[in-house]
Structures are given as structure tokens and as C-alpha cells.
Amino acid sequence: MLKLILFFVYIFMLIAVIFLERKSPTEALLWVFILLCLPYFGAVLYLIFGSTIAIKTTAFARKRRLKKQRPNLCSQQTNIVDTANLSSVGMRVSHFNCNYNQSRLTSYNYADLYTSGKEHYRQLFEDIRNAQQCIYIEFYTIHHDEIGKALVSALAEKASAGVEVLVLCDFIANLSTPQKMFRPLLDAGGKLVRVKPYLTHYRSHRKIVAIDHQIGYIGGMNIGKQYANMAKIKNPWRDTQIRLYGECVNVLDEYFLTDWLCSVRQAHWEEAVSYISSITTKTFEASDNLCQFIAGGADTNKEAVKMCYLSMIYSAKKTIRIQTPYFIPDASILDALKTAAASGVEIELMIPGIKASFFLDPVTTYYCGQLLEYGAKVYKYKGYVHAKTMVIDDELCCIGSVNMDIRSLKVDDEVCGVFYSSALVNQYIDIFKVDIQNSDEYSWEQFLIRGNKEKALESFFVLFAPLM
């Protein structure tokens, strides 16, 4: 009987790979081959690294219920792309994000950029202390250290004062963070959900903070002492976080609350929907500081973030400036960057001078060589760059949680913002130029003379690039 049950489970897995998952033909064929050649071990590998059925089914069912109960949370509101005062590059990218990603064009009244964790946490904790209505927190990791404890203490104080405090963090990424660290928050009435509490390749890597429906944060920083240069390794740490005030925070609210409803236990669903139904959105003065937010993940068949990046790259006419801790693009992104470089677009790529890990660095070096061959410039920052940014010409800037690797582009849940304000774009270009002064250029000649050991490591680890 057990053998018969396992047989039917296996048949279902094969059917899922071919008909339900909507994977690319190459990936689907690979999983069929693994399942047929490794009957039991292959099933385990598929459930961990391949299956998205549970994620997609849960998201589809809950978003469908939510749309019936609270239509305005999931609706695509009227866009202002056609009437917006945007450059030709901005118009192309904003149209794409509107049509492909259903990302509406919104605005902010003012923005602050943070490249230091200490400055970021100082302002974030002040905003938390001043919160009157609600605090939404979503991070990939909330570390069990002095910064994590300080965050929990600040949130617990507000929860005890009647502020609605909701916290999301990834399950696997926070295995080393004990539940007891969050106990003060939970005892004060705050709520915590660890996202995707099972062993799966598809993780939640988003960083979103929304406070009182008017202040929002996104960027590359999680919660931990290393982001504030308080750790011994990977120091100095260079990151980017942006704080926003204005209408755009309503969109961050929607993204967070949708994640919340897709993560809470079924027993808490009605309570969560009831709370959301009681929310009254704020109105703000009109602003010309336009932006869009793009959320990508395994819960849809669209590669939202990757396609947004392709739209930006193909729209570039003069320069593409990228900061990323790892450079492991998929074939489409790499081809787009090669095409741009060969067409005369100046590409500047900044990666860490401090090694990320023994397996990520060789693969990053391999792909850097692919760009160097076409005349791109690669800079190694004298420290650890964890920022995830892209600036196209002098027209738009992208800031978010998205690494330039296959995991961020195609696998993990991510969020990024595309900003069209010339003031913000120029401000970040100035920051990038200062970063170049604190970097060493890595040349094509240096790449060519790397040792045989480095070449061997590249050849081996690049085989696992789709998992990185």
C-alpha cells in the first residue's frame, strides 16, 4: 500500500513539473531527468529546490479571497504614466512596469538616502518611537544581537502603547534568532510571523518598513550589527537604504499586508482581514517626485524583477552603474549588459573588495570577466558593498533588496523601487562617484593573469550558479 501511495505521489510530481509549474523547458526537462534517475533522493531535491506549487497555491487562494473582501488592496489603480513629466528613458521603463508588472506610478514628497547602518538605524528607531498608529516591519534577517534586541524593545514599547505592530522575517534566515528574543514584543501585543516555515529553496528576501501609512523604507539593509560596522568581519560595510515620505508608502503598505495575509495562519485570517478593512489611507500633497515599486517572487509565473531590470538595461543610452555584493546574472541579463557595452554604453560595476564567500567570489569573478571583455569597468570597493542599486544614464535609479544574482532575479521574494526624480538620481550618482574613489579598478589584464586555482574554482562553482 505504501509503495502504491509513493508511486502516485511520484506521478503527481512528474505531472506538476511538466504541466503545473510552468517552468522553462530546460528546467522542466532537468527535473524530469532527476526524478526518473533518482527516485527517492530526486523527490527530496525537487521538494526543496524545485517545487513552487504550495507557494503559488497559497498565494493564489488568499489573494483571491482578499480581492473579494477588500478589492482596493489588490486592485490596479489608475496610472498617470501618459501624463507624467518623464524623460524618454523614464517613460519607457515606467510604461513597461505599469503594463507588465501592474506597478502603478506613484510619488513621494521627500526622500533620504542612507549609506551607513548607524544613520539608518538612528532614524528608523526615531520613526518607530514617534509612531502613532501602525508599524509594519519585513526583513530577511533580524539578527540575535544588540541591534535586533534594540529593535524588539522599541517595537514592544509601541505595541504596549496600542500601536499595531506587525513583523515578518524569513524562517530559514532566522533559525539562529531564538523566539525568546521576540517574547517582549509578543507579550506587549505585537505580532510576528516567520515566512515560509518549511525547507524550500524559495525564500523571502524583502526589506520593507511602513510606519503610520506615511513613512516607508526599502533597501539592502537587514537588522544586525554588521550593517552598522559593529562586526569584525566584512568591515567597512557599505549599504544603501532609502526613507520615503508620501503617497508611495500606501503601495508599500499594500505589499506588506499582502505578504502578511499570505503568511498568517488560517485561524488568524479573518482577524487580519478585519484589521485591514479598518485602515484609512492618507492623502498627500501632489508631488513631481515619481517612483514605482516592483515586487517579484515565486508566487507568480512572471519574472517581475528580472524583466524590470532588462527594461532598464535596454533603455540605457549612455551609462549603466551597478552596485551588488554578488554578480551572478542569468543569461538574459548578461546578454543585455554585453549588448549595451558593445553598443557604446559605459558600464560601471562595483562589487566588494572583501570576499563574500569561498564559492560566490569565483563565480562573480567569472561573470565580471564576461563584461570586462566588452569594455565594461569593474571596481572593487575597499570594504564590503552590500548595496543593491542600478542607475541608468542620468534618468532613473533603482534601489531595493535585489542582488544581481539568479536567486534575487528569479527565485526569492524581492522588492525594489525605481525612482525618476532627477534630484534623487543625481544625488546617488554623486554617491557612486565617491564610492569609486574608495575602490580599486579590476582590469581585463588582471582578469587574464589570474591563477589556475582561481580558474578551476570558477569552472566548478559556476555549475551551481542557478542556486546562488
Protein backbone atom coordinates (compact mmCIF):
# COMPACT_ATOMS: atom_id res chain seq x y z
CA MET A 1 0.00 0.00 0.00
CA LEU A 2 2.82 2.39 0.91
CA LYS A 3 4.58 1.64 -2.36
CA LEU A 4 1.37 2.40 -4.26
CA ILE A 5 0.95 5.73 -2.46
CA LEU A 6 4.59 6.68 -3.16
CA PHE A 7 4.10 5.72 -6.81
CA PHE A 8 1.11 8.03 -7.20
CA VAL A 9 2.95 10.83 -5.37
CA TYR A 10 5.81 10.43 -7.81
CA ILE A 11 3.48 10.50 -10.79
CA PHE A 12 1.92 13.70 -9.40
CA MET A 13 5.39 15.27 -9.11
CA LEU A 14 6.15 14.47 -12.74
CA ILE A 15 2.79 15.92 -13.82
CA ALA A 16 3.43 19.01 -11.70
CA VAL A 17 6.84 19.60 -13.28
CA ILE A 18 5.50 19.24 -16.82
CA PHE A 19 2.02 20.78 -16.62
CA LEU A 20 1.59 22.82 -13.42
CA GLU A 21 4.88 24.54 -12.54
CA ARG A 22 5.22 26.45 -15.84
CA LYS A 23 9.00 26.13 -15.73
CA SER A 24 11.22 26.76 -18.72
CA PRO A 25 11.62 23.70 -20.98
CA THR A 26 15.27 23.28 -19.95
CA GLU A 27 14.50 23.39 -16.22
CA ALA A 28 11.47 21.14 -16.58
CA LEU A 29 13.49 18.56 -18.53
CA LEU A 30 16.22 18.66 -15.87
CA TRP A 31 13.73 17.94 -13.07
CA VAL A 32 12.07 15.11 -15.03
CA PHE A 33 15.52 13.59 -15.56
CA ILE A 34 16.37 13.91 -11.83
CA LEU A 35 13.05 12.42 -10.73
CA LEU A 36 13.40 9.46 -13.08
CA CYS A 37 17.06 8.75 -12.31
CA LEU A 38 16.97 9.37 -8.54
CA PRO A 39 13.53 8.05 -7.47
CA TYR A 40 13.63 8.98 -3.77
CA PHE A 41 16.50 11.41 -3.40
CA GLY A 42 15.28 13.20 -6.52
CA ALA A 43 11.88 13.76 -4.91
CA VAL A 44 13.52 15.36 -1.89
CA LEU A 45 15.62 17.60 -4.13
CA TYR A 46 12.53 18.62 -6.10
CA LEU A 47 10.51 19.48 -2.98
CA ILE A 48 13.36 21.66 -1.64
CA PHE A 49 14.79 23.23 -4.79
CA GLY A 50 12.13 22.91 -7.47
CA SER A 51 8.54 22.88 -6.28
CA THR A 52 6.59 26.15 -6.12
CA ILE A 53 3.11 24.60 -6.04
CA ALA A 54 2.50 25.22 -2.32
CA ILE A 55 3.71 28.82 -2.56
CA LYS A 56 1.65 29.61 -5.67
CA THR A 57 -1.47 27.81 -4.46
CA THR A 58 -1.45 29.58 -1.09
CA ALA A 59 -0.81 32.99 -2.65
CA PHE A 60 -3.47 32.49 -5.34
CA ALA A 61 -6.16 31.31 -2.92
CA ARG A 62 -5.56 34.02 -0.32
CA LYS A 63 -5.21 36.86 -2.84
CA ARG A 64 -8.43 35.73 -4.49
CA ARG A 65 -10.26 35.76 -1.14
CA LEU A 66 -8.70 39.09 -0.29
CA LYS A 67 -9.81 40.62 -3.58
CA LYS A 68 -13.41 39.72 -2.77
CA GLN A 69 -13.23 41.12 0.76
CA ARG A 70 -11.01 44.14 0.16
CA PRO A 71 -10.91 44.88 -3.62
CA ASN A 72 -8.96 48.13 -3.35
CA LEU A 73 -5.95 46.41 -1.74
CA CYS A 74 -5.26 44.23 -4.77
CA SER A 75 -6.57 46.50 -7.50
CA GLN A 76 -4.50 48.23 -10.12
CA GLN A 77 -5.28 51.88 -9.63
CA THR A 78 -5.34 54.41 -12.44
CA ASN A 79 -1.85 55.19 -13.65
CA ILE A 80 -0.55 58.60 -14.59
CA VAL A 81 2.25 57.41 -16.86
CA ASP A 82 0.90 59.03 -20.02
CA THR A 83 0.57 62.45 -18.40
CA ALA A 84 3.72 62.28 -16.27
CA ASN A 85 6.65 64.58 -16.86
CA LEU A 86 9.25 61.89 -17.56
CA SER A 87 12.27 61.59 -19.81
CA SER A 88 12.13 59.20 -22.78
CA VAL A 89 14.04 56.59 -20.79
CA GLY A 90 11.77 57.07 -17.76
CA MET A 91 8.68 56.86 -19.95
CA ARG A 92 9.80 53.54 -21.47
CA VAL A 93 10.62 51.94 -18.13
CA SER A 94 7.52 53.25 -16.34
CA HIS A 95 5.26 52.05 -19.18
CA PHE A 96 6.86 48.62 -19.00
CA ASN A 97 6.42 48.33 -15.24
CA CYS A 98 2.84 49.52 -15.50
CA ASN A 99 1.90 47.08 -18.27
CA TYR A 100 3.97 44.02 -17.35
CA ASN A 101 4.22 44.28 -13.56
CA GLN A 102 0.97 46.19 -12.87
CA SER A 103 3.11 48.63 -10.90
CA ARG A 104 1.40 51.98 -10.70
CA LEU A 105 3.30 55.23 -10.88
CA THR A 106 3.21 56.95 -7.51
CA SER A 107 5.12 59.74 -5.77
CA TYR A 108 6.87 60.83 -2.61
CA ASN A 109 7.16 64.27 -1.05
CA TYR A 110 10.73 63.81 0.10
CA ALA A 111 13.36 61.09 0.42
CA ASP A 112 16.51 60.49 2.46
CA LEU A 113 19.34 58.20 1.42
CA TYR A 114 21.39 56.27 3.98
CA THR A 115 24.69 54.57 3.18
CA SER A 116 25.57 53.97 6.83
CA GLY A 117 23.76 51.50 9.03
CA LYS A 118 24.21 53.67 12.11
CA GLU A 119 22.49 56.63 10.46
CA HIS A 120 19.76 54.38 9.10
CA TYR A 121 19.02 52.76 12.47
CA ARG A 122 19.10 56.09 14.28
CA GLN A 123 16.38 57.47 12.01
CA LEU A 124 14.40 54.21 11.87
CA PHE A 125 14.26 53.91 15.65
CA GLU A 126 13.22 57.56 15.94
CA ASP A 127 10.38 56.97 13.48
CA ILE A 128 9.33 53.90 15.47
CA ARG A 129 9.31 55.90 18.73
CA ASN A 130 7.13 58.56 17.07
CA ALA A 131 4.65 56.07 15.56
CA GLN A 132 1.01 56.65 16.49
CA GLN A 133 -1.00 54.07 14.53
CA CYS A 134 0.91 51.20 12.98
CA ILE A 135 4.38 49.79 12.29
CA TYR A 136 4.94 47.19 9.57
CA ILE A 137 8.37 45.53 9.56
CA GLU A 138 9.57 43.00 6.97
CA PHE A 139 13.21 41.89 6.87
CA TYR A 140 15.05 38.86 5.55
CA THR A 141 17.06 38.62 8.78
CA ILE A 142 16.63 40.10 12.24
CA HIS A 143 19.84 39.08 13.95
CA HIS A 144 20.13 38.00 17.57
CA ASP A 145 22.44 40.84 18.59
CA GLU A 146 22.27 44.30 20.16
CA ILE A 147 20.59 45.85 17.10
CA GLY A 148 17.96 43.10 16.89
CA LYS A 149 17.25 43.34 20.62
CA ALA A 150 17.03 47.15 20.43
CA LEU A 151 14.51 46.87 17.58
CA VAL A 152 12.35 44.39 19.51
CA SER A 153 12.48 46.63 22.61
CA ALA A 154 11.40 49.70 20.62
CA LEU A 155 8.58 47.76 18.93
CA ALA A 156 7.41 46.26 22.22
CA GLU A 157 7.15 49.71 23.78
CA LYS A 158 4.93 50.92 20.94
CA ALA A 159 2.82 47.76 20.95
CA SER A 160 2.16 48.17 24.67
CA ALA A 161 1.01 51.74 23.90
CA GLY A 162 -1.64 50.45 21.49
CA VAL A 163 0.21 50.81 18.17
CA GLU A 164 -0.43 47.93 15.75
CA VAL A 165 2.95 46.22 15.26
CA LEU A 166 3.30 43.51 12.60
CA VAL A 167 6.65 41.84 11.89
CA LEU A 168 7.65 39.44 9.11
CA CYS A 169 11.01 37.70 8.74
CA ASP A 170 12.25 34.71 6.77
CA PHE A 171 12.08 31.35 8.56
CA ILE A 172 15.35 29.78 7.37
CA ALA A 173 17.38 33.01 7.56
CA ASN A 174 16.37 33.45 11.21
CA LEU A 175 16.93 29.93 12.53
CA SER A 176 19.71 31.29 14.75
CA THR A 177 17.40 34.00 16.15
CA PRO A 178 15.55 32.45 19.10
CA GLN A 179 11.86 33.00 19.65
CA LYS A 180 12.61 34.27 23.15
CA MET A 181 14.22 37.40 21.66
CA PHE A 182 10.78 38.36 20.30
CA ARG A 183 8.97 37.50 23.55
CA PRO A 184 8.77 41.13 24.81
CA LEU A 185 7.11 42.15 21.54
CA LEU A 186 4.62 39.28 21.61
CA ASP A 187 3.81 39.83 25.28
CA ALA A 188 3.10 43.51 24.50
CA GLY A 189 0.56 42.59 21.83
CA GLY A 190 2.75 42.74 18.74
CA LYS A 191 2.57 40.03 16.09
CA LEU A 192 5.37 38.07 14.42
CA VAL A 193 5.30 35.62 11.52
CA ARG A 194 8.30 33.72 10.20
CA VAL A 195 7.70 33.49 6.45
CA LYS A 196 7.74 30.09 4.70
CA PRO A 197 8.26 27.91 7.79
CA TYR A 198 9.49 24.90 5.80
CA LEU A 199 12.59 23.79 3.93
CA THR A 200 12.43 25.34 0.48
CA HIS A 201 14.84 26.98 -1.93
CA TYR A 202 12.46 29.94 -2.35
CA ARG A 203 12.98 32.46 0.46
CA SER A 204 11.62 35.89 1.41
CA HIS A 205 14.44 38.41 0.91
CA ARG A 206 12.36 41.62 1.05
CA LYS A 207 13.10 44.62 3.24
CA ILE A 208 10.05 46.82 3.82
CA VAL A 209 9.20 49.19 6.65
CA ALA A 210 5.99 51.23 6.68
CA ILE A 211 5.00 53.48 9.58
CA ASP A 212 1.66 55.26 10.08
CA HIS A 213 0.88 54.96 6.34
CA GLN A 214 3.24 57.87 5.62
CA ILE A 215 6.89 56.85 6.20
CA GLY A 216 8.48 53.94 4.35
CA TYR A 217 11.88 52.31 3.94
CA ILE A 218 13.33 49.89 1.40
CA GLY A 219 16.89 48.95 0.52
CA GLY A 220 19.62 46.43 1.18
CA MET A 221 19.94 46.55 4.97
CA ASN A 222 18.55 43.96 7.33
CA ILE A 223 18.64 44.27 11.13
CA GLY A 224 22.04 43.42 12.60
CA LYS A 225 25.25 44.90 13.92
CA GLN A 226 27.27 44.19 10.75
CA TYR A 227 25.16 46.73 8.86
CA ALA A 228 26.29 49.37 11.37
CA ASN A 229 30.01 48.44 11.11
CA MET A 230 29.92 46.80 14.54
CA ALA A 231 31.10 43.38 13.36
CA LYS A 232 34.72 42.30 12.99
CA ILE A 233 34.32 40.75 9.55
CA LYS A 234 33.26 42.45 6.31
CA ASN A 235 34.16 45.89 7.60
CA PRO A 236 33.65 48.64 6.49
CA TRP A 237 30.14 47.74 5.37
CA ARG A 238 28.69 49.88 2.57
CA ASP A 239 24.94 49.63 2.00
CA THR A 240 22.02 51.70 0.73
CA GLN A 241 18.63 52.33 2.32
CA ILE A 242 16.08 54.93 1.30
CA ARG A 243 13.49 56.57 3.56
CA LEU A 244 10.37 57.92 1.86
CA TYR A 245 7.52 60.16 2.94
CA GLY A 246 4.39 60.46 0.85
CA GLU A 247 1.77 58.70 -1.20
CA CYS A 248 4.12 55.90 -2.28
CA VAL A 249 4.01 54.46 1.26
CA ASN A 250 0.43 53.33 0.50
CA VAL A 251 1.95 50.94 -2.05
CA LEU A 252 4.47 49.61 0.48
CA ASP A 253 1.53 49.11 2.86
CA GLU A 254 -0.19 47.01 0.20
CA TYR A 255 2.88 44.90 -0.48
CA PHE A 256 3.46 44.25 3.20
CA LEU A 257 -0.17 43.50 4.03
CA THR A 258 -0.47 41.13 1.08
CA ASP A 259 2.64 39.31 2.33
CA TRP A 260 1.11 39.29 5.80
CA LEU A 261 -2.13 37.73 4.61
CA CYS A 262 -0.23 35.11 2.61
CA SER A 263 1.79 34.19 5.72
CA VAL A 264 -0.54 34.28 8.76
CA ARG A 265 -2.14 31.09 9.97
CA GLN A 266 -5.59 30.31 8.66
CA ALA A 267 -7.02 30.81 12.16
CA HIS A 268 -5.87 34.44 12.10
CA TRP A 269 -7.07 35.21 8.57
CA GLU A 270 -10.38 36.86 9.44
CA GLU A 271 -8.75 38.94 12.17
CA ALA A 272 -6.13 40.15 9.69
CA VAL A 273 -8.71 41.00 7.02
CA SER A 274 -10.84 42.81 9.59
CA TYR A 275 -7.87 44.92 10.62
CA ILE A 276 -7.01 45.75 7.01
CA SER A 277 -10.61 46.72 6.31
CA SER A 278 -10.42 49.29 9.10
CA ILE A 279 -7.42 51.09 7.59
CA THR A 280 -7.95 54.58 6.21
CA THR A 281 -5.30 55.62 3.71
CA LYS A 282 -3.74 59.05 3.96
CA THR A 283 -3.73 61.72 1.27
CA PHE A 284 -0.70 63.84 0.45
CA GLU A 285 0.10 66.97 -1.50
CA ALA A 286 0.80 66.37 -5.17
CA SER A 287 4.47 65.81 -5.96
CA ASP A 288 6.64 65.53 -9.08
CA ASN A 289 8.94 63.01 -7.36
CA LEU A 290 7.73 59.94 -9.18
CA CYS A 291 8.54 56.30 -8.47
CA GLN A 292 7.34 52.74 -8.91
CA PHE A 293 7.77 49.64 -6.74
CA ILE A 294 8.27 46.17 -8.20
CA ALA A 295 7.72 43.02 -6.16
CA GLY A 296 8.96 39.72 -7.51
CA GLY A 297 8.76 36.18 -6.21
CA ALA A 298 7.89 32.55 -6.84
CA ASP A 299 4.17 33.09 -6.23
CA THR A 300 3.59 34.12 -9.88
CA ASN A 301 4.77 32.90 -13.28
CA LYS A 302 6.17 36.35 -14.09
CA GLU A 303 9.84 37.17 -13.52
CA ALA A 304 8.90 40.67 -12.42
CA VAL A 305 12.23 41.93 -11.10
CA LYS A 306 14.33 40.42 -13.86
CA MET A 307 12.10 41.83 -16.57
CA CYS A 308 12.18 45.27 -14.91
CA TYR A 309 15.99 45.12 -14.91
CA LEU A 310 16.01 44.13 -18.58
CA SER A 311 13.75 47.06 -19.39
CA MET A 312 16.15 49.45 -17.64
CA ILE A 313 19.28 47.98 -19.25
CA TYR A 314 17.84 48.03 -22.77
CA SER A 315 16.68 51.63 -22.26
CA ALA A 316 20.18 52.89 -21.43
CA LYS A 317 21.86 55.15 -23.95
CA LYS A 318 24.90 56.46 -22.05
CA THR A 319 25.71 54.78 -18.74
CA ILE A 320 24.74 51.87 -16.51
CA ARG A 321 26.05 51.97 -12.93
CA ILE A 322 25.54 48.86 -10.79
CA GLN A 323 26.35 48.05 -7.16
CA THR A 324 25.91 44.49 -5.94
CA PRO A 325 27.58 42.17 -3.42
CA TYR A 326 27.48 39.33 -5.95
CA PHE A 327 27.45 39.43 -9.73
CA ILE A 328 25.87 36.20 -10.97
CA PRO A 329 23.39 37.24 -13.69
CA ASP A 330 21.33 34.85 -15.72
CA ALA A 331 21.91 34.58 -19.46
CA SER A 332 19.34 37.22 -20.43
CA ILE A 333 20.75 39.90 -18.08
CA LEU A 334 24.33 39.08 -19.09
CA ASP A 335 23.47 39.27 -22.80
CA ALA A 336 21.67 42.59 -22.25
CA LEU A 337 24.72 44.06 -20.50
CA LYS A 338 27.06 42.73 -23.19
CA THR A 339 24.82 44.22 -25.88
CA ALA A 340 24.79 47.57 -24.12
CA ALA A 341 28.58 47.57 -23.67
CA ALA A 342 29.18 46.58 -27.28
CA SER A 343 26.81 49.35 -28.36
CA GLY A 344 28.88 52.03 -26.61
CA VAL A 345 27.03 52.29 -23.30
CA GLU A 346 29.52 52.80 -20.47
CA ILE A 347 29.02 50.14 -17.80
CA GLU A 348 30.43 50.58 -14.31
CA LEU A 349 30.05 47.61 -11.98
CA MET A 350 31.01 47.84 -8.29
CA ILE A 351 31.49 44.71 -6.18
CA PRO A 352 33.07 44.13 -2.74
CA GLY A 353 36.82 44.14 -2.28
CA ILE A 354 36.27 41.91 0.77
CA LYS A 355 35.34 38.38 -0.25
CA ALA A 356 31.68 37.46 0.09
CA SER A 357 32.31 33.71 0.40
CA PHE A 358 34.59 30.98 -0.94
CA PHE A 359 32.04 29.93 -3.59
CA LEU A 360 30.38 33.24 -4.54
CA ASP A 361 33.61 35.10 -5.30
CA PRO A 362 34.92 32.77 -8.05
CA VAL A 363 31.56 32.89 -9.85
CA THR A 364 31.41 36.70 -9.52
CA THR A 365 34.93 36.92 -10.97
CA TYR A 366 33.94 34.67 -13.88
CA TYR A 367 30.98 36.85 -14.82
CA CYS A 368 32.97 40.06 -14.33
CA GLY A 369 35.37 38.72 -16.94
CA GLN A 370 32.45 38.30 -19.32
CA LEU A 371 31.78 42.05 -19.07
CA LEU A 372 35.41 43.19 -18.97
CA GLU A 373 35.91 41.58 -22.38
CA TYR A 374 33.38 44.05 -23.79
CA GLY A 375 34.98 47.12 -22.23
CA ALA A 376 32.98 47.43 -19.02
CA LYS A 377 34.66 48.84 -15.91
CA VAL A 378 34.72 46.82 -12.70
CA TYR A 379 35.52 48.37 -9.33
CA LYS A 380 36.28 46.54 -6.09
CA TYR A 381 35.18 48.63 -3.14
CA LYS A 382 37.67 48.82 -0.26
CA GLY A 383 35.24 47.14 2.09
CA TYR A 384 32.04 45.14 1.68
CA VAL A 385 29.44 46.52 -0.73
CA HIS A 386 26.00 45.18 0.16
CA ALA A 387 24.07 47.88 -1.73
CA LYS A 388 21.73 46.74 -4.49
CA THR A 389 21.41 49.67 -6.88
CA MET A 390 21.34 50.49 -10.57
CA VAL A 391 21.48 53.94 -12.19
CA ILE A 392 20.54 54.31 -15.86
CA ASP A 393 22.01 57.33 -17.69
CA ASP A 394 21.13 60.37 -15.57
CA GLU A 395 17.44 59.48 -15.75
CA LEU A 396 16.46 56.87 -13.17
CA CYS A 397 17.76 55.00 -10.16
CA CYS A 398 16.76 51.60 -8.78
CA ILE A 399 17.21 50.80 -5.06
CA GLY A 400 15.99 47.71 -3.27
CA SER A 401 16.73 44.24 -1.93
CA VAL A 402 17.69 42.74 -5.31
CA ASN A 403 21.19 41.32 -5.70
CA MET A 404 22.47 40.94 -9.24
CA ASP A 405 22.27 37.17 -8.98
CA ILE A 406 19.93 34.45 -10.16
CA ARG A 407 18.37 33.94 -6.72
CA SER A 408 17.22 37.56 -6.48
CA LEU A 409 16.26 37.86 -10.14
CA LYS A 410 14.26 34.65 -10.42
CA VAL A 411 13.86 32.77 -7.11
CA ASP A 412 13.45 34.83 -3.93
CA ASP A 413 10.72 37.28 -2.93
CA GLU A 414 12.20 40.74 -3.54
CA VAL A 415 11.17 44.38 -3.74
CA CYS A 416 12.82 47.35 -5.41
CA GLY A 417 11.92 50.94 -6.17
CA VAL A 418 12.54 52.74 -9.47
CA PHE A 419 12.94 56.48 -8.88
CA TYR A 420 12.54 59.04 -11.66
CA SER A 421 13.36 62.27 -9.80
CA SER A 422 16.44 63.93 -11.31
CA ALA A 423 17.39 65.30 -7.89
CA LEU A 424 17.49 61.84 -6.32
CA VAL A 425 19.21 60.30 -9.35
CA ASN A 426 21.95 62.96 -9.34
CA GLN A 427 22.36 62.58 -5.59
CA TYR A 428 23.01 58.88 -6.00
CA ILE A 429 25.37 59.43 -8.93
CA ASP A 430 27.43 61.66 -6.63
CA ILE A 431 27.44 58.90 -4.00
CA PHE A 432 28.55 56.39 -6.62
CA LYS A 433 31.43 58.63 -7.71
CA VAL A 434 32.62 58.93 -4.11
CA ASP A 435 32.45 55.13 -3.84
CA ILE A 436 34.66 54.83 -6.93
CA GLN A 437 37.28 56.95 -5.17
CA ASN A 438 37.21 54.36 -2.37
CA SER A 439 37.61 51.47 -4.81
CA ASP A 440 40.31 49.75 -6.85
CA GLU A 441 39.65 49.12 -10.52
CA TYR A 442 39.79 45.47 -11.59
CA SER A 443 41.07 45.40 -15.16
CA TRP A 444 40.81 42.98 -18.06
CA GLU A 445 44.58 42.41 -17.78
CA GLN A 446 44.23 41.41 -14.11
CA PHE A 447 41.48 39.01 -15.03
CA LEU A 448 43.60 37.34 -17.70
CA ILE A 449 46.57 36.67 -15.39
CA ARG A 450 44.56 35.09 -12.56
CA GLY A 451 45.95 31.73 -11.43
CA ASN A 452 44.98 28.22 -12.43
CA LYS A 453 43.47 27.60 -9.00
CA GLU A 454 41.10 30.55 -9.47
CA LYS A 455 40.15 29.31 -12.95
CA ALA A 456 39.45 25.81 -11.61
CA LEU A 457 37.25 27.16 -8.82
CA GLU A 458 35.35 29.30 -11.34
CA SER A 459 34.73 26.33 -13.63
CA PHE A 460 33.44 24.20 -10.77
CA PHE A 461 31.29 26.69 -8.85
CA VAL A 462 29.75 28.28 -11.95
CA LEU A 463 27.90 24.97 -12.42
CA PHE A 464 25.88 25.88 -9.32
CA ALA A 465 25.15 29.47 -10.41
CA PRO A 466 21.37 28.84 -10.71
CA LEU A 467 21.30 28.08 -6.97
CA MET A 468 23.22 31.24 -5.99
